[in-house]
Amino acid sequence: MSNQADDNNLDVLIHRRALSTTVVAESRTDAPGALLDTLDSLGFERHGAAIYIWHELPEDLSAAEASRTCLRAHKTLLAAGYLAVLDDRLIQQTP
């Protein structure tokens, strides 16, 4: 399994894991502690060890809550100067 943030030259890529409902925030391999701490503070849960660390949203969030959390995280990361991409499919559209 490759790191999509590294593959796409990003600091963070927020997306849904393939064939799953799990929302992940993949950070680059050499992500600074401040970036990882920011993701922690935004409602993502840290996973992994050594050089491969990723974050996931809790599974019990509703689609609307997950969408709001992802949007807030994306805006916060951009404002902090990180190169972050949010998959548009995670943004809940309102009718």
N, C-alpha and C. Protein backbone atom coordinates (compact mmCIF):
# COMPACT_ATOMS: atom_id res chain seq x y z
N MET A 1 0.86 -1.17 0.00
CA MET A 1 0.00 0.00 0.00
C MET A 1 0.90 1.24 0.00
N SER A 2 0.67 2.12 -0.94
CA SER A 2 1.48 3.34 -1.01
C SER A 2 0.79 4.48 -0.27
N ASN A 3 1.57 5.48 0.03
CA ASN A 3 1.06 6.67 0.69
C ASN A 3 0.65 7.65 -0.40
N GLN A 4 -0.65 7.92 -0.49
CA GLN A 4 -1.15 8.78 -1.56
C GLN A 4 -0.72 10.23 -1.40
N ALA A 5 -0.47 10.68 -0.19
CA ALA A 5 0.04 12.05 0.00
C ALA A 5 1.43 12.15 -0.63
N ASP A 6 2.27 11.17 -0.37
CA ASP A 6 3.61 11.15 -0.98
C ASP A 6 3.49 11.05 -2.51
N ASP A 7 2.64 10.15 -2.97
CA ASP A 7 2.49 9.92 -4.41
C ASP A 7 2.04 11.17 -5.16
N ASN A 8 1.27 12.03 -4.48
CA ASN A 8 0.72 13.23 -5.11
C ASN A 8 1.43 14.51 -4.67
N ASN A 9 2.55 14.37 -3.96
CA ASN A 9 3.34 15.51 -3.50
C ASN A 9 2.51 16.49 -2.67
N LEU A 10 1.77 15.94 -1.69
CA LEU A 10 0.91 16.73 -0.82
C LEU A 10 1.35 16.59 0.63
N ASP A 11 0.94 17.54 1.44
CA ASP A 11 1.12 17.39 2.88
C ASP A 11 0.05 16.46 3.45
N VAL A 12 -1.19 16.63 2.98
CA VAL A 12 -2.31 15.83 3.47
C VAL A 12 -3.30 15.60 2.32
N LEU A 13 -3.81 14.39 2.25
CA LEU A 13 -4.89 14.05 1.33
C LEU A 13 -6.02 13.45 2.16
N ILE A 14 -7.19 14.09 2.13
CA ILE A 14 -8.35 13.61 2.88
C ILE A 14 -9.28 12.95 1.87
N HIS A 15 -9.58 11.67 2.10
CA HIS A 15 -10.39 10.90 1.15
C HIS A 15 -11.03 9.71 1.85
N ARG A 16 -11.92 9.04 1.14
CA ARG A 16 -12.52 7.81 1.64
C ARG A 16 -11.67 6.65 1.15
N ARG A 17 -11.34 5.75 2.06
CA ARG A 17 -10.55 4.57 1.69
C ARG A 17 -11.34 3.74 0.67
N ALA A 18 -10.67 3.22 -0.32
CA ALA A 18 -11.31 2.45 -1.39
C ALA A 18 -12.11 1.28 -0.80
N LEU A 19 -13.30 1.10 -1.35
CA LEU A 19 -14.20 0.00 -0.97
C LEU A 19 -14.53 0.00 0.52
N SER A 20 -14.66 1.21 1.09
CA SER A 20 -14.87 1.35 2.52
C SER A 20 -15.66 2.63 2.79
N THR A 21 -16.16 2.74 4.01
CA THR A 21 -16.79 4.00 4.44
C THR A 21 -15.83 4.82 5.29
N THR A 22 -14.62 4.32 5.52
CA THR A 22 -13.64 4.98 6.37
C THR A 22 -13.05 6.22 5.68
N VAL A 23 -13.10 7.35 6.39
CA VAL A 23 -12.50 8.59 5.90
C VAL A 23 -11.12 8.70 6.51
N VAL A 24 -10.11 8.86 5.66
CA VAL A 24 -8.72 8.94 6.12
C VAL A 24 -8.10 10.27 5.72
N ALA A 25 -7.17 10.71 6.54
CA ALA A 25 -6.32 11.85 6.21
C ALA A 25 -4.91 11.30 6.16
N GLU A 26 -4.40 11.13 4.96
CA GLU A 26 -3.04 10.62 4.79
C GLU A 26 -2.09 11.80 4.75
N SER A 27 -1.11 11.76 5.63
CA SER A 27 -0.08 12.81 5.63
C SER A 27 1.19 12.25 5.02
N ARG A 28 2.03 13.15 4.54
CA ARG A 28 3.27 12.71 3.90
C ARG A 28 4.14 11.97 4.92
N THR A 29 5.04 11.18 4.41
CA THR A 29 5.88 10.34 5.26
C THR A 29 6.66 11.14 6.29
N ASP A 30 7.20 12.27 5.89
CA ASP A 30 8.02 13.08 6.81
C ASP A 30 7.23 14.23 7.44
N ALA A 31 5.95 14.00 7.68
CA ALA A 31 5.08 15.06 8.21
C ALA A 31 5.60 15.54 9.56
N PRO A 32 5.63 16.87 9.73
CA PRO A 32 6.07 17.41 11.03
C PRO A 32 5.04 17.11 12.12
N GLY A 33 5.52 17.07 13.34
CA GLY A 33 4.64 16.82 14.48
C GLY A 33 3.50 17.80 14.56
N ALA A 34 3.75 19.05 14.18
CA ALA A 34 2.70 20.08 14.24
C ALA A 34 1.53 19.72 13.32
N LEU A 35 1.83 19.16 12.16
CA LEU A 35 0.77 18.76 11.23
C LEU A 35 -0.03 17.61 11.82
N LEU A 36 0.65 16.62 12.36
CA LEU A 36 -0.04 15.47 12.97
C LEU A 36 -0.89 15.92 14.15
N ASP A 37 -0.35 16.82 14.96
CA ASP A 37 -1.10 17.34 16.10
C ASP A 37 -2.33 18.13 15.65
N THR A 38 -2.21 18.86 14.54
CA THR A 38 -3.35 19.61 14.01
C THR A 38 -4.46 18.65 13.61
N LEU A 39 -4.11 17.57 12.91
CA LEU A 39 -5.13 16.58 12.53
C LEU A 39 -5.78 15.97 13.76
N ASP A 40 -4.97 15.69 14.79
CA ASP A 40 -5.53 15.17 16.06
C ASP A 40 -6.58 16.13 16.61
N SER A 41 -6.24 17.42 16.60
CA SER A 41 -7.12 18.43 17.20
C SER A 41 -8.38 18.69 16.39
N LEU A 42 -8.40 18.25 15.14
CA LEU A 42 -9.54 18.49 14.26
C LEU A 42 -10.55 17.34 14.25
N GLY A 43 -10.35 16.35 15.11
CA GLY A 43 -11.32 15.27 15.22
C GLY A 43 -10.91 13.98 14.54
N PHE A 44 -9.71 13.95 13.96
CA PHE A 44 -9.21 12.72 13.35
C PHE A 44 -8.44 11.92 14.40
N GLU A 45 -8.49 10.61 14.30
CA GLU A 45 -7.78 9.73 15.23
C GLU A 45 -6.52 9.19 14.56
N ARG A 46 -5.39 9.29 15.27
CA ARG A 46 -4.09 8.89 14.72
C ARG A 46 -3.93 7.37 14.75
N HIS A 47 -3.36 6.83 13.68
CA HIS A 47 -3.07 5.39 13.56
C HIS A 47 -1.69 5.22 12.94
N GLY A 48 -1.15 4.03 13.10
CA GLY A 48 0.12 3.71 12.47
C GLY A 48 1.27 3.78 13.44
N ALA A 49 2.45 3.60 12.86
CA ALA A 49 3.67 3.61 13.66
C ALA A 49 4.85 3.92 12.75
N ALA A 50 5.95 4.25 13.39
CA ALA A 50 7.20 4.54 12.67
C ALA A 50 6.97 5.63 11.63
N ILE A 51 7.27 5.36 10.37
CA ILE A 51 7.19 6.41 9.36
C ILE A 51 5.82 6.50 8.69
N TYR A 52 4.97 5.46 8.84
CA TYR A 52 3.67 5.49 8.17
C TYR A 52 2.58 5.77 9.20
N ILE A 53 2.13 7.02 9.23
CA ILE A 53 1.09 7.45 10.15
C ILE A 53 -0.05 8.03 9.33
N TRP A 54 -1.26 7.70 9.70
CA TRP A 54 -2.43 8.26 9.04
C TRP A 54 -3.47 8.56 10.12
N HIS A 55 -4.50 9.29 9.74
CA HIS A 55 -5.59 9.63 10.65
C HIS A 55 -6.90 9.17 10.03
N GLU A 56 -7.84 8.82 10.88
CA GLU A 56 -9.18 8.42 10.43
C GLU A 56 -10.23 9.17 11.23
N LEU A 57 -11.36 9.41 10.58
CA LEU A 57 -12.51 9.95 11.32
C LEU A 57 -13.17 8.81 12.07
N PRO A 58 -13.74 9.09 13.24
CA PRO A 58 -14.48 8.04 13.95
C PRO A 58 -15.62 7.51 13.07
N GLU A 59 -15.84 6.21 13.12
CA GLU A 59 -16.85 5.57 12.27
C GLU A 59 -18.28 5.97 12.64
N ASP A 60 -18.50 6.47 13.85
CA ASP A 60 -19.86 6.76 14.28
C ASP A 60 -20.37 8.15 13.88
N LEU A 61 -19.58 8.89 13.10
CA LEU A 61 -20.03 10.21 12.64
C LEU A 61 -21.07 10.04 11.53
N SER A 62 -22.07 10.90 11.54
CA SER A 62 -23.02 10.91 10.42
C SER A 62 -22.32 11.48 9.18
N ALA A 63 -22.94 11.30 8.04
CA ALA A 63 -22.37 11.83 6.80
C ALA A 63 -22.23 13.35 6.89
N ALA A 64 -23.22 14.01 7.48
CA ALA A 64 -23.16 15.47 7.61
C ALA A 64 -22.03 15.89 8.54
N GLU A 65 -21.85 15.19 9.66
CA GLU A 65 -20.77 15.51 10.59
C GLU A 65 -19.40 15.26 9.94
N ALA A 66 -19.29 14.16 9.22
CA ALA A 66 -18.02 13.85 8.54
C ALA A 66 -17.70 14.92 7.51
N SER A 67 -18.70 15.35 6.77
CA SER A 67 -18.51 16.39 5.77
C SER A 67 -18.05 17.70 6.41
N ARG A 68 -18.72 18.10 7.50
CA ARG A 68 -18.34 19.34 8.20
C ARG A 68 -16.92 19.24 8.76
N THR A 69 -16.60 18.09 9.33
CA THR A 69 -15.26 17.90 9.90
C THR A 69 -14.20 17.97 8.82
N CYS A 70 -14.45 17.33 7.68
CA CYS A 70 -13.49 17.35 6.57
C CYS A 70 -13.30 18.77 6.02
N LEU A 71 -14.39 19.49 5.85
CA LEU A 71 -14.30 20.86 5.35
C LEU A 71 -13.53 21.76 6.31
N ARG A 72 -13.83 21.64 7.60
CA ARG A 72 -13.13 22.44 8.61
C ARG A 72 -11.64 22.09 8.63
N ALA A 73 -11.33 20.80 8.56
CA ALA A 73 -9.93 20.37 8.56
C ALA A 73 -9.20 20.92 7.33
N HIS A 74 -9.83 20.82 6.18
CA HIS A 74 -9.21 21.30 4.94
C HIS A 74 -8.91 22.79 5.02
N LYS A 75 -9.88 23.57 5.46
CA LYS A 75 -9.69 25.02 5.58
C LYS A 75 -8.61 25.36 6.60
N THR A 76 -8.60 24.65 7.72
CA THR A 76 -7.59 24.90 8.75
C THR A 76 -6.19 24.57 8.25
N LEU A 77 -6.05 23.45 7.56
CA LEU A 77 -4.74 23.05 7.03
C LEU A 77 -4.24 24.04 5.98
N LEU A 78 -5.12 24.48 5.09
CA LEU A 78 -4.73 25.47 4.09
C LEU A 78 -4.30 26.78 4.75
N ALA A 79 -5.07 27.22 5.75
CA ALA A 79 -4.75 28.47 6.45
C ALA A 79 -3.40 28.37 7.17
N ALA A 80 -3.03 27.17 7.59
CA ALA A 80 -1.75 26.96 8.27
C ALA A 80 -0.59 26.82 7.28
N GLY A 81 -0.90 26.86 5.99
CA GLY A 81 0.15 26.81 4.98
C GLY A 81 0.48 25.42 4.45
N TYR A 82 -0.33 24.43 4.80
CA TYR A 82 -0.09 23.08 4.31
C TYR A 82 -0.73 22.88 2.94
N LEU A 83 -0.15 22.04 2.14
CA LEU A 83 -0.71 21.66 0.84
C LEU A 83 -1.64 20.48 1.10
N ALA A 84 -2.93 20.78 1.18
CA ALA A 84 -3.93 19.78 1.53
C ALA A 84 -5.00 19.71 0.45
N VAL A 85 -5.45 18.49 0.18
CA VAL A 85 -6.50 18.27 -0.80
C VAL A 85 -7.60 17.46 -0.14
N LEU A 86 -8.84 17.89 -0.37
CA LEU A 86 -10.03 17.20 0.12
C LEU A 86 -10.78 16.65 -1.07
N ASP A 87 -11.04 15.35 -1.07
CA ASP A 87 -11.80 14.72 -2.13
C ASP A 87 -13.22 15.30 -2.14
N ASP A 88 -13.62 15.84 -3.27
CA ASP A 88 -14.94 16.49 -3.39
C ASP A 88 -16.09 15.56 -3.03
N ARG A 89 -15.90 14.27 -3.17
CA ARG A 89 -16.97 13.32 -2.88
C ARG A 89 -17.30 13.26 -1.39
N LEU A 90 -16.46 13.85 -0.56
CA LEU A 90 -16.73 13.86 0.88
C LEU A 90 -17.55 15.08 1.30
N ILE A 91 -17.75 16.00 0.41
CA ILE A 91 -18.50 17.21 0.73
C ILE A 91 -19.97 16.92 0.48
N GLN A 92 -20.74 17.00 1.55
CA GLN A 92 -22.17 16.73 1.44
C GLN A 92 -22.86 17.91 0.79
N GLN A 93 -23.54 17.64 -0.28
CA GLN A 93 -24.27 18.68 -0.98
C GLN A 93 -25.64 18.87 -0.36
N THR A 94 -26.04 20.13 -0.17
CA THR A 94 -27.37 20.40 0.36
C THR A 94 -28.30 20.72 -0.80
N PRO A 95 -29.51 20.20 -0.76
CA PRO A 95 -30.46 20.42 -1.86
C PRO A 95 -30.91 21.85 -1.97
